[in-house]
Amino acid sequence: MKEKKPSYLNFNSEDYPWKPDIDYRANPELYLVGKGEQGVLICEPYKSEIGQYWRFKTVEIAEESSEKIFGMFRQYIKDRDFVGADMARKYLQMGYTRARRYCNYKGGRKYDKENGYQSLERGTGDPEKAASAAIFYDRWKEAEADSQYTRMKAVWKKDKG
């Protein structure tokens, strides 16, 4: 079986299309949709606006967090701010993926840094995170299915990438 190492070991920030020194509200034309959660922890001012509410430690916290972020998603849609809506969608997706990682791996770590980045054993994490992940999953899918968001995303990808 081929050993898979984490992609962040070969990360090249120069080639990464999202940059921390760009104000994406003032320069939305520089924003790319990308795949999955790409750019979510970089694109300002949305990172600061949305990220402060992103939590999944318990079911109650995940419920409150996902509701707040989904509300922000709806407001961005209402304001016709596609970049904000896409970033909120990415935070909802990341709530799901990170909570699943903490469910699957103790401490949320998939690789053993001290042992050549070998994969760690699955199923050693926090079972409550599965419920937190499900909460974020439902909100993420609801955001992706929003008809206005879907239209905005199709136009954005066609026009800007």
Foldseek 3Di string as FASTA:
>chain_A
DDFDFDPVVVDDPVPQQAAQVDACVVVVLSDDLDPQQRPLCRHPPLVVVLVVQQDQPALVSLLRSLVVLLVQLVVCLVVVNLVNNSSSLSSLRVQLVQLVLQQFDPVSDQFDPVPVRGGDHTRPHDNRSNSSNVSSVVSSVVSCPPPSSVVSNVVCNVVRD
